[in-house]
PDB file of N, CA and C in Angstrom:
ATOM      1  N   MET A   1     -12.586  12.358 -79.892  1.00  0.00           N
ATOM      2  CA  MET A   1     -13.703  11.480 -79.606  1.00  0.00           C
ATOM      3  C   MET A   1     -14.975  12.329 -79.551  1.00  0.00           C
ATOM      4  N   THR A   2     -16.028  11.874 -80.212  1.00  0.00           N
ATOM      5  CA  THR A   2     -17.285  12.604 -80.190  1.00  0.00           C
ATOM      6  C   THR A   2     -18.183  12.059 -79.095  1.00  0.00           C
ATOM      7  N   PHE A   3     -19.190  12.837 -78.782  1.00  0.00           N
ATOM      8  CA  PHE A   3     -20.141  12.464 -77.744  1.00  0.00           C
ATOM      9  C   PHE A   3     -20.770  11.098 -78.022  1.00  0.00           C
ATOM     10  N   LEU A   4     -21.092  10.831 -79.272  1.00  0.00           N
ATOM     11  CA  LEU A   4     -21.778   9.587 -79.611  1.00  0.00           C
ATOM     12  C   LEU A   4     -20.878   8.359 -79.555  1.00  0.00           C
ATOM     13  N   THR A   5     -19.584   8.536 -79.654  1.00  0.00           N
ATOM     14  CA  THR A   5     -18.676   7.386 -79.593  1.00  0.00           C
ATOM     15  C   THR A   5     -18.013   7.236 -78.227  1.00  0.00           C
ATOM     16  N   LEU A   6     -18.274   8.154 -77.338  1.00  0.00           N
ATOM     17  CA  LEU A   6     -17.697   8.117 -75.994  1.00  0.00           C
ATOM     18  C   LEU A   6     -18.253   6.937 -75.208  1.00  0.00           C
ATOM     19  N   ASP A   7     -17.409   6.205 -74.542  1.00  0.00           N
ATOM     20  CA  ASP A   7     -17.845   5.114 -73.676  1.00  0.00           C
ATOM     21  C   ASP A   7     -17.630   5.547 -72.228  1.00  0.00           C
ATOM     22  N   PRO A   8     -18.710   5.898 -71.522  1.00  0.00           N
ATOM     23  CA  PRO A   8     -18.579   6.364 -70.140  1.00  0.00           C
ATOM     24  C   PRO A   8     -17.867   5.366 -69.233  1.00  0.00           C
ATOM     25  N   ALA A   9     -17.940   4.089 -69.543  1.00  0.00           N
ATOM     26  CA  ALA A   9     -17.286   3.071 -68.706  1.00  0.00           C
ATOM     27  C   ALA A   9     -15.788   3.316 -68.609  1.00  0.00           C
ATOM     28  N   ASP A  10     -15.198   3.840 -69.673  1.00  0.00           N
ATOM     29  CA  ASP A  10     -13.766   4.140 -69.651  1.00  0.00           C
ATOM     30  C   ASP A  10     -13.429   5.143 -68.557  1.00  0.00           C
ATOM     31  N   TYR A  11     -14.324   6.059 -68.307  1.00  0.00           N
ATOM     32  CA  TYR A  11     -14.107   7.095 -67.299  1.00  0.00           C
ATOM     33  C   TYR A  11     -14.598   6.649 -65.921  1.00  0.00           C
ATOM     34  N   LEU A  12     -15.696   5.927 -65.901  1.00  0.00           N
ATOM     35  CA  LEU A  12     -16.246   5.459 -64.623  1.00  0.00           C
ATOM     36  C   LEU A  12     -15.279   4.536 -63.896  1.00  0.00           C
ATOM     37  N   LYS A  13     -14.476   3.821 -64.639  1.00  0.00           N
ATOM     38  CA  LYS A  13     -13.525   2.899 -64.017  1.00  0.00           C
ATOM     39  C   LYS A  13     -12.430   3.624 -63.244  1.00  0.00           C
ATOM     40  N   SER A  14     -12.305   4.925 -63.449  1.00  0.00           N
ATOM     41  CA  SER A  14     -11.304   5.686 -62.697  1.00  0.00           C
ATOM     42  C   SER A  14     -11.934   6.534 -61.588  1.00  0.00           C
ATOM     43  N   VAL A  15     -13.220   6.339 -61.342  1.00  0.00           N
ATOM     44  CA  VAL A  15     -13.917   7.086 -60.291  1.00  0.00           C
ATOM     45  C   VAL A  15     -13.850   6.291 -58.994  1.00  0.00           C
ATOM     46  N   HIS A  16     -13.276   6.899 -57.980  1.00  0.00           N
ATOM     47  CA  HIS A  16     -13.118   6.216 -56.696  1.00  0.00           C
ATOM     48  C   HIS A  16     -13.670   7.054 -55.546  1.00  0.00           C
ATOM     49  N   VAL A  17     -14.702   7.810 -55.833  1.00  0.00           N
ATOM     50  CA  VAL A  17     -15.406   8.600 -54.830  1.00  0.00           C
ATOM     51  C   VAL A  17     -16.855   8.115 -54.806  1.00  0.00           C
ATOM     52  N   PRO A  18     -17.624   8.459 -53.773  1.00  0.00           N
ATOM     53  CA  PRO A  18     -19.028   8.046 -53.742  1.00  0.00           C
ATOM     54  C   PRO A  18     -19.788   8.548 -54.976  1.00  0.00           C
ATOM     55  N   VAL A  19     -20.658   7.683 -55.489  1.00  0.00           N
ATOM     56  CA  VAL A  19     -21.424   7.992 -56.698  1.00  0.00           C
ATOM     57  C   VAL A  19     -22.901   7.739 -56.422  1.00  0.00           C
ATOM     58  N   LEU A  20     -23.737   8.675 -56.849  1.00  0.00           N
ATOM     59  CA  LEU A  20     -25.182   8.521 -56.768  1.00  0.00           C
ATOM     60  C   LEU A  20     -25.704   8.362 -58.187  1.00  0.00           C
ATOM     61  N   ILE A  21     -26.350   7.233 -58.451  1.00  0.00           N
ATOM     62  CA  ILE A  21     -26.892   6.927 -59.777  1.00  0.00           C
ATOM     63  C   ILE A  21     -28.401   7.123 -59.712  1.00  0.00           C
ATOM     64  N   LEU A  22     -28.922   8.045 -60.512  1.00  0.00           N
ATOM     65  CA  LEU A  22     -30.355   8.332 -60.555  1.00  0.00           C
ATOM     66  C   LEU A  22     -30.847   8.155 -61.982  1.00  0.00           C
ATOM     67  N   ASN A  23     -32.001   7.500 -62.138  1.00  0.00           N
ATOM     68  CA  ASN A  23     -32.561   7.301 -63.473  1.00  0.00           C
ATOM     69  C   ASN A  23     -34.048   7.073 -63.343  1.00  0.00           C
ATOM     70  N   GLY A  24     -34.793   7.454 -64.360  1.00  0.00           N
ATOM     71  CA  GLY A  24     -36.228   7.215 -64.394  1.00  0.00           C
ATOM     72  C   GLY A  24     -36.574   6.169 -65.439  1.00  0.00           C
ATOM     73  N   THR A  25     -37.627   5.411 -65.174  1.00  0.00           N
ATOM     74  CA  THR A  25     -38.016   4.361 -66.121  1.00  0.00           C
ATOM     75  C   THR A  25     -38.613   4.921 -67.409  1.00  0.00           C
ATOM     76  N   LYS A  26     -39.028   6.186 -67.400  1.00  0.00           N
ATOM     77  CA  LYS A  26     -39.557   6.820 -68.617  1.00  0.00           C
ATOM     78  C   LYS A  26     -38.512   7.707 -69.289  1.00  0.00           C
ATOM     79  N   ASP A  27     -37.260   7.564 -68.899  1.00  0.00           N
ATOM     80  CA  ASP A  27     -36.170   8.324 -69.519  1.00  0.00           C
ATOM     81  C   ASP A  27     -35.876   7.696 -70.874  1.00  0.00           C
ATOM     82  N   THR A  28     -36.190   8.427 -71.936  1.00  0.00           N
ATOM     83  CA  THR A  28     -35.963   7.907 -73.286  1.00  0.00           C
ATOM     84  C   THR A  28     -34.596   8.317 -73.827  1.00  0.00           C
ATOM     85  N   GLN A  29     -33.855   9.127 -73.073  1.00  0.00           N
ATOM     86  CA  GLN A  29     -32.526   9.558 -73.503  1.00  0.00           C
ATOM     87  C   GLN A  29     -31.426   8.689 -72.897  1.00  0.00           C
ATOM     88  N   VAL A  30     -31.617   8.291 -71.653  1.00  0.00           N
ATOM     89  CA  VAL A  30     -30.665   7.418 -70.955  1.00  0.00           C
ATOM     90  C   VAL A  30     -31.493   6.268 -70.376  1.00  0.00           C
ATOM     91  N   THR A  31     -31.663   5.226 -71.133  1.00  0.00           N
ATOM     92  CA  THR A  31     -32.527   4.116 -70.762  1.00  0.00           C
ATOM     93  C   THR A  31     -31.997   3.413 -69.514  1.00  0.00           C
ATOM     94  N   SER A  32     -32.833   3.381 -68.483  1.00  0.00           N
ATOM     95  CA  SER A  32     -32.387   2.832 -67.193  1.00  0.00           C
ATOM     96  C   SER A  32     -32.011   1.359 -67.284  1.00  0.00           C
ATOM     97  N   SER A  33     -32.760   0.577 -68.030  1.00  0.00           N
ATOM     98  CA  SER A  33     -32.494  -0.865 -68.084  1.00  0.00           C
ATOM     99  C   SER A  33     -31.157  -1.192 -68.747  1.00  0.00           C
ATOM    100  N   LEU A  34     -30.653  -0.302 -69.587  1.00  0.00           N
ATOM    101  CA  LEU A  34     -29.353  -0.512 -70.236  1.00  0.00           C
ATOM    102  C   LEU A  34     -28.215   0.181 -69.493  1.00  0.00           C
ATOM    103  N   ASN A  35     -28.459   1.409 -69.079  1.00  0.00           N
ATOM    104  CA  ASN A  35     -27.383   2.240 -68.548  1.00  0.00           C
ATOM    105  C   ASN A  35     -27.059   2.007 -67.084  1.00  0.00           C
ATOM    106  N   VAL A  36     -28.061   1.810 -66.251  1.00  0.00           N
ATOM    107  CA  VAL A  36     -27.789   1.624 -64.818  1.00  0.00           C
ATOM    108  C   VAL A  36     -26.922   0.386 -64.575  1.00  0.00           C
ATOM    109  N   PRO A  37     -27.259  -0.772 -65.146  1.00  0.00           N
ATOM    110  CA  PRO A  37     -26.377  -1.931 -64.938  1.00  0.00           C
ATOM    111  C   PRO A  37     -24.952  -1.703 -65.463  1.00  0.00           C
ATOM    112  N   ALA A  38     -24.824  -0.991 -66.575  1.00  0.00           N
ATOM    113  CA  ALA A  38     -23.492  -0.721 -67.135  1.00  0.00           C
ATOM    114  C   ALA A  38     -22.684   0.195 -66.217  1.00  0.00           C
ATOM    115  N   ILE A  39     -23.332   1.192 -65.644  1.00  0.00           N
ATOM    116  CA  ILE A  39     -22.656   2.093 -64.704  1.00  0.00           C
ATOM    117  C   ILE A  39     -22.225   1.321 -63.466  1.00  0.00           C
ATOM    118  N   GLU A  40     -23.143   0.536 -62.923  1.00  0.00           N
ATOM    119  CA  GLU A  40     -22.818  -0.258 -61.727  1.00  0.00           C
ATOM    120  C   GLU A  40     -21.675  -1.231 -62.009  1.00  0.00           C
ATOM    121  N   ARG A  41     -21.707  -1.852 -63.165  1.00  0.00           N
ATOM    122  CA  ARG A  41     -20.659  -2.812 -63.534  1.00  0.00           C
ATOM    123  C   ARG A  41     -19.290  -2.123 -63.622  1.00  0.00           C
ATOM    124  N   ALA A  42     -19.241  -0.962 -64.260  1.00  0.00           N
ATOM    125  CA  ALA A  42     -17.975  -0.230 -64.396  1.00  0.00           C
ATOM    126  C   ALA A  42     -17.435   0.185 -63.034  1.00  0.00           C
ATOM    127  N   LEU A  43     -18.302   0.653 -62.162  1.00  0.00           N
ATOM    128  CA  LEU A  43     -17.862   1.051 -60.821  1.00  0.00           C
ATOM    129  C   LEU A  43     -17.379  -0.162 -60.036  1.00  0.00           C
ATOM    130  N   HIS A  44     -18.124  -1.249 -60.147  1.00  0.00           N
ATOM    131  CA  HIS A  44     -17.740  -2.481 -59.443  1.00  0.00           C
ATOM    132  C   HIS A  44     -16.384  -2.992 -59.932  1.00  0.00           C
ATOM    133  N   GLU A  45     -16.201  -3.003 -61.241  1.00  0.00           N
ATOM    134  CA  GLU A  45     -14.933  -3.473 -61.813  1.00  0.00           C
ATOM    135  C   GLU A  45     -13.757  -2.598 -61.380  1.00  0.00           C
ATOM    136  N   ALA A  46     -14.044  -1.331 -61.095  1.00  0.00           N
ATOM    137  CA  ALA A  46     -12.994  -0.414 -60.640  1.00  0.00           C
ATOM    138  C   ALA A  46     -12.739  -0.545 -59.143  1.00  0.00           C
ATOM    139  N   GLY A  47     -13.548  -1.373 -58.479  1.00  0.00           N
ATOM    140  CA  GLY A  47     -13.394  -1.542 -57.044  1.00  0.00           C
ATOM    141  C   GLY A  47     -14.117  -0.488 -56.229  1.00  0.00           C
ATOM    142  N   ASN A  48     -14.953   0.308 -56.872  1.00  0.00           N
ATOM    143  CA  ASN A  48     -15.717   1.334 -56.166  1.00  0.00           C
ATOM    144  C   ASN A  48     -16.980   0.695 -55.596  1.00  0.00           C
ATOM    145  N   LYS A  49     -17.012   0.539 -54.292  1.00  0.00           N
ATOM    146  CA  LYS A  49     -18.182  -0.053 -53.638  1.00  0.00           C
ATOM    147  C   LYS A  49     -19.079   1.020 -53.042  1.00  0.00           C
ATOM    148  N   SER A  50     -18.682   2.275 -53.197  1.00  0.00           N
ATOM    149  CA  SER A  50     -19.421   3.383 -52.608  1.00  0.00           C
ATOM    150  C   SER A  50     -20.319   4.045 -53.650  1.00  0.00           C
ATOM    151  N   TYR A  51     -21.363   3.314 -54.046  1.00  0.00           N
ATOM    152  CA  TYR A  51     -22.339   3.900 -54.949  1.00  0.00           C
ATOM    153  C   TYR A  51     -23.728   3.456 -54.532  1.00  0.00           C
ATOM    154  N   ARG A  52     -24.701   4.308 -54.843  1.00  0.00           N
ATOM    155  CA  ARG A  52     -26.097   4.036 -54.514  1.00  0.00           C
ATOM    156  C   ARG A  52     -26.902   4.291 -55.768  1.00  0.00           C
ATOM    157  N   THR A  53     -27.857   3.408 -56.037  1.00  0.00           N
ATOM    158  CA  THR A  53     -28.675   3.504 -57.240  1.00  0.00           C
ATOM    159  C   THR A  53     -30.145   3.681 -56.883  1.00  0.00           C
ATOM    160  N   TYR A  54     -30.783   4.621 -57.559  1.00  0.00           N
ATOM    161  CA  TYR A  54     -32.229   4.795 -57.476  1.00  0.00           C
ATOM    162  C   TYR A  54     -32.772   4.821 -58.896  1.00  0.00           C
ATOM    163  N   VAL A  55     -33.740   3.964 -59.178  1.00  0.00           N
ATOM    164  CA  VAL A  55     -34.455   4.001 -60.453  1.00  0.00           C
ATOM    165  C   VAL A  55     -35.905   4.313 -60.107  1.00  0.00           C
ATOM    166  N   TYR A  56     -36.399   5.425 -60.626  1.00  0.00           N
ATOM    167  CA  TYR A  56     -37.725   5.930 -60.275  1.00  0.00           C
ATOM    168  C   TYR A  56     -38.751   5.542 -61.330  1.00  0.00           C
ATOM    169  N   GLU A  57     -39.759   4.842 -60.888  1.00  0.00           N
ATOM    170  CA  GLU A  57     -40.835   4.403 -61.767  1.00  0.00           C
ATOM    171  C   GLU A  57     -41.599   5.614 -62.300  1.00  0.00           C
ATOM    172  N   GLY A  58     -41.726   5.688 -63.634  1.00  0.00           N
ATOM    173  CA  GLY A  58     -42.552   6.701 -64.275  1.00  0.00           C
ATOM    174  C   GLY A  58     -41.935   8.080 -64.428  1.00  0.00           C
ATOM    175  N   LEU A  59     -40.649   8.244 -64.081  1.00  0.00           N
ATOM    176  CA  LEU A  59     -40.022   9.560 -64.233  1.00  0.00           C
ATOM    177  C   LEU A  59     -39.206   9.625 -65.520  1.00  0.00           C
ATOM    178  N   ASN A  60     -39.194  10.819 -66.128  1.00  0.00           N
ATOM    179  CA  ASN A  60     -38.462  11.024 -67.380  1.00  0.00           C
ATOM    180  C   ASN A  60     -37.022  11.481 -67.118  1.00  0.00           C
ATOM    181  N   HIS A  61     -36.349  11.950 -68.149  1.00  0.00           N
ATOM    182  CA  HIS A  61     -34.947  12.373 -68.068  1.00  0.00           C
ATOM    183  C   HIS A  61     -34.751  13.554 -67.117  1.00  0.00           C
ATOM    184  N   LEU A  62     -35.799  14.363 -66.945  1.00  0.00           N
ATOM    185  CA  LEU A  62     -35.738  15.527 -66.054  1.00  0.00           C
ATOM    186  C   LEU A  62     -36.302  15.202 -64.672  1.00  0.00           C
ATOM    187  N   PHE A  63     -36.549  13.930 -64.420  1.00  0.00           N
ATOM    188  CA  PHE A  63     -37.119  13.447 -63.155  1.00  0.00           C
ATOM    189  C   PHE A  63     -38.503  14.031 -62.899  1.00  0.00           C
ATOM    190  N   GLN A  64     -39.276  14.142 -63.971  1.00  0.00           N
ATOM    191  CA  GLN A  64     -40.668  14.568 -63.900  1.00  0.00           C
ATOM    192  C   GLN A  64     -41.553  13.340 -64.086  1.00  0.00           C
ATOM    193  N   PRO A  65     -42.728  13.304 -63.432  1.00  0.00           N
ATOM    194  CA  PRO A  65     -43.661  12.213 -63.714  1.00  0.00           C
ATOM    195  C   PRO A  65     -44.144  12.343 -65.163  1.00  0.00           C
ATOM    196  N   ALA A  66     -44.006  11.277 -65.932  1.00  0.00           N
ATOM    197  CA  ALA A  66     -44.266  11.362 -67.367  1.00  0.00           C
ATOM    198  C   ALA A  66     -45.207  10.263 -67.837  1.00  0.00           C
ATOM    199  N   THR A  67     -45.841  10.539 -68.961  1.00  0.00           N
ATOM    200  CA  THR A  67     -46.687   9.546 -69.609  1.00  0.00           C
ATOM    201  C   THR A  67     -45.883   8.779 -70.652  1.00  0.00           C
ATOM    202  N   THR A  68     -45.182   9.532 -71.510  1.00  0.00           N
ATOM    203  CA  THR A  68     -44.423   8.898 -72.593  1.00  0.00           C
ATOM    204  C   THR A  68     -42.912   8.979 -72.388  1.00  0.00           C
ATOM    205  N   GLY A  69     -42.450  10.019 -71.720  1.00  0.00           N
ATOM    206  CA  GLY A  69     -41.016  10.235 -71.559  1.00  0.00           C
ATOM    207  C   GLY A  69     -40.394  11.005 -72.706  1.00  0.00           C
ATOM    208  N   SER A  70     -41.186  11.367 -73.707  1.00  0.00           N
ATOM    209  CA  SER A  70     -40.639  12.066 -74.871  1.00  0.00           C
ATOM    210  C   SER A  70     -40.231  13.496 -74.512  1.00  0.00           C
ATOM    211  N   VAL A  71     -39.261  14.010 -75.245  1.00  0.00           N
ATOM    212  CA  VAL A  71     -38.775  15.376 -75.032  1.00  0.00           C
ATOM    213  C   VAL A  71     -39.910  16.379 -75.222  1.00  0.00           C
ATOM    214  N   GLU A  72     -40.784  16.120 -76.172  1.00  0.00           N
ATOM    215  CA  GLU A  72     -41.909  17.019 -76.447  1.00  0.00           C
ATOM    216  C   GLU A  72     -42.841  17.148 -75.246  1.00  0.00           C
ATOM    217  N   GLU A  73     -42.847  16.170 -74.393  1.00  0.00           N
ATOM    218  CA  GLU A  73     -43.729  16.167 -73.224  1.00  0.00           C
ATOM    219  C   GLU A  73     -43.193  17.040 -72.082  1.00  0.00           C
ATOM    220  N   TYR A  74     -41.898  17.309 -72.057  1.00  0.00           N
ATOM    221  CA  TYR A  74     -41.275  18.018 -70.932  1.00  0.00           C
ATOM    222  C   TYR A  74     -42.013  19.300 -70.548  1.00  0.00           C
ATOM    223  N   ALA A  75     -42.265  20.157 -71.507  1.00  0.00           N
ATOM    224  CA  ALA A  75     -42.852  21.469 -71.229  1.00  0.00           C
ATOM    225  C   ALA A  75     -44.305  21.392 -70.782  1.00  0.00           C
ATOM    226  N   THR A  76     -44.947  20.264 -70.986  1.00  0.00           N
ATOM    227  CA  THR A  76     -46.359  20.135 -70.608  1.00  0.00           C
ATOM    228  C   THR A  76     -46.534  19.621 -69.186  1.00  0.00           C
ATOM    229  N   ILE A  77     -45.444  19.260 -68.532  1.00  0.00           N
ATOM    230  CA  ILE A  77     -45.509  18.691 -67.186  1.00  0.00           C
ATOM    231  C   ILE A  77     -45.270  19.799 -66.169  1.00  0.00           C
ATOM    232  N   GLU A  78     -46.195  19.938 -65.236  1.00  0.00           N
ATOM    233  CA  GLU A  78     -46.107  21.018 -64.249  1.00  0.00           C
ATOM    234  C   GLU A  78     -44.996  20.782 -63.223  1.00  0.00           C
ATOM    235  N   THR A  79     -44.774  19.547 -62.850  1.00  0.00           N
ATOM    236  CA  THR A  79     -43.749  19.228 -61.857  1.00  0.00           C
ATOM    237  C   THR A  79     -42.370  19.515 -62.430  1.00  0.00           C
ATOM    238  N   THR A  80     -41.549  20.259 -61.693  1.00  0.00           N
ATOM    239  CA  THR A  80     -40.200  20.542 -62.183  1.00  0.00           C
ATOM    240  C   THR A  80     -39.248  19.393 -61.888  1.00  0.00           C
ATOM    241  N   ILE A  81     -39.371  18.801 -60.714  1.00  0.00           N
ATOM    242  CA  ILE A  81     -38.566  17.623 -60.355  1.00  0.00           C
ATOM    243  C   ILE A  81     -39.312  16.878 -59.253  1.00  0.00           C
ATOM    244  N   SER A  82     -39.290  15.582 -59.322  1.00  0.00           N
ATOM    245  CA  SER A  82     -40.008  14.759 -58.351  1.00  0.00           C
ATOM    246  C   SER A  82     -39.483  14.995 -56.935  1.00  0.00           C
ATOM    247  N   PRO A  83     -40.377  15.200 -55.971  1.00  0.00           N
ATOM    248  CA  PRO A  83     -39.954  15.338 -54.576  1.00  0.00           C
ATOM    249  C   PRO A  83     -39.183  14.111 -54.074  1.00  0.00           C
ATOM    250  N   ALA A  84     -39.486  12.936 -54.593  1.00  0.00           N
ATOM    251  CA  ALA A  84     -38.774  11.716 -54.176  1.00  0.00           C
ATOM    252  C   ALA A  84     -37.296  11.801 -54.553  1.00  0.00           C
ATOM    253  N   VAL A  85     -37.008  12.348 -55.717  1.00  0.00           N
ATOM    254  CA  VAL A  85     -35.617  12.501 -56.156  1.00  0.00           C
ATOM    255  C   VAL A  85     -34.895  13.492 -55.250  1.00  0.00           C
ATOM    256  N   LEU A  86     -35.543  14.607 -54.957  1.00  0.00           N
ATOM    257  CA  LEU A  86     -34.941  15.611 -54.074  1.00  0.00           C
ATOM    258  C   LEU A  86     -34.675  15.035 -52.688  1.00  0.00           C
ATOM    259  N   ARG A  87     -35.622  14.256 -52.187  1.00  0.00           N
ATOM    260  CA  ARG A  87     -35.456  13.625 -50.867  1.00  0.00           C
ATOM    261  C   ARG A  87     -34.265  12.670 -50.869  1.00  0.00           C
ATOM    262  N   ASP A  88     -34.207  11.797 -51.863  1.00  0.00           N
ATOM    263  CA  ASP A  88     -33.115  10.821 -51.919  1.00  0.00           C
ATOM    264  C   ASP A  88     -31.763  11.503 -52.104  1.00  0.00           C
ATOM    265  N   LEU A  89     -31.727  12.543 -52.907  1.00  0.00           N
ATOM    266  CA  LEU A  89     -30.495  13.307 -53.108  1.00  0.00           C
ATOM    267  C   LEU A  89     -30.046  13.961 -51.800  1.00  0.00           C
ATOM    268  N   LEU A  90     -30.981  14.570 -51.098  1.00  0.00           N
ATOM    269  CA  LEU A  90     -30.666  15.212 -49.824  1.00  0.00           C
ATOM    270  C   LEU A  90     -30.105  14.211 -48.822  1.00  0.00           C
ATOM    271  N   PHE A  91     -30.790  13.093 -48.637  1.00  0.00           N
ATOM    272  CA  PHE A  91     -30.333  12.105 -47.657  1.00  0.00           C
ATOM    273  C   PHE A  91     -29.001  11.476 -48.063  1.00  0.00           C
ATOM    274  N   TRP A  92     -28.787  11.293 -49.368  1.00  0.00           N
ATOM    275  CA  TRP A  92     -27.501  10.756 -49.823  1.00  0.00           C
ATOM    276  C   TRP A  92     -26.379  11.737 -49.487  1.00  0.00           C
ATOM    277  N   MET A  93     -26.617  13.027 -49.727  1.00  0.00           N
ATOM    278  CA  MET A  93     -25.591  14.033 -49.420  1.00  0.00           C
ATOM    279  C   MET A  93     -25.351  14.143 -47.917  1.00  0.00           C
ATOM    280  N   LEU A  94     -26.411  14.116 -47.132  1.00  0.00           N
ATOM    281  CA  LEU A  94     -26.257  14.215 -45.679  1.00  0.00           C
ATOM    282  C   LEU A  94     -25.508  13.017 -45.107  1.00  0.00           C
ATOM    283  N   ASP A  95     -25.629  11.890 -45.768  1.00  0.00           N
ATOM    284  CA  ASP A  95     -24.959  10.668 -45.317  1.00  0.00           C
ATOM    285  C   ASP A  95     -23.456  10.708 -45.594  1.00  0.00           C
ATOM    286  N   ARG A  96     -23.011  11.648 -46.373  1.00  0.00           N
ATOM    287  CA  ARG A  96     -21.590  11.742 -46.701  1.00  0.00           C
ATOM    288  C   ARG A  96     -20.927  12.628 -45.701  1.00  0.00           C
TER     289      ARG A  96
END
């Protein structure tokens, strides 16, 4: 199976541990409007109720504040990762 034909739902349905779903609205590689609902659906169908979702307005695939979200833009953004993402990740881990 190649990367492009892989269906993550096949694997997500066997995940029964807490899951943190993070995505940015400017992510052009993993589109939040398509992928987040699919991830949540697969986890729900597997009976995994222990997941938390954060979708960050204006963040790209690297969780940087972005204008376009394009890969070419990554190196021009000074922020390495949004403090909001780091905060949510920290609190999610501490809650476990």
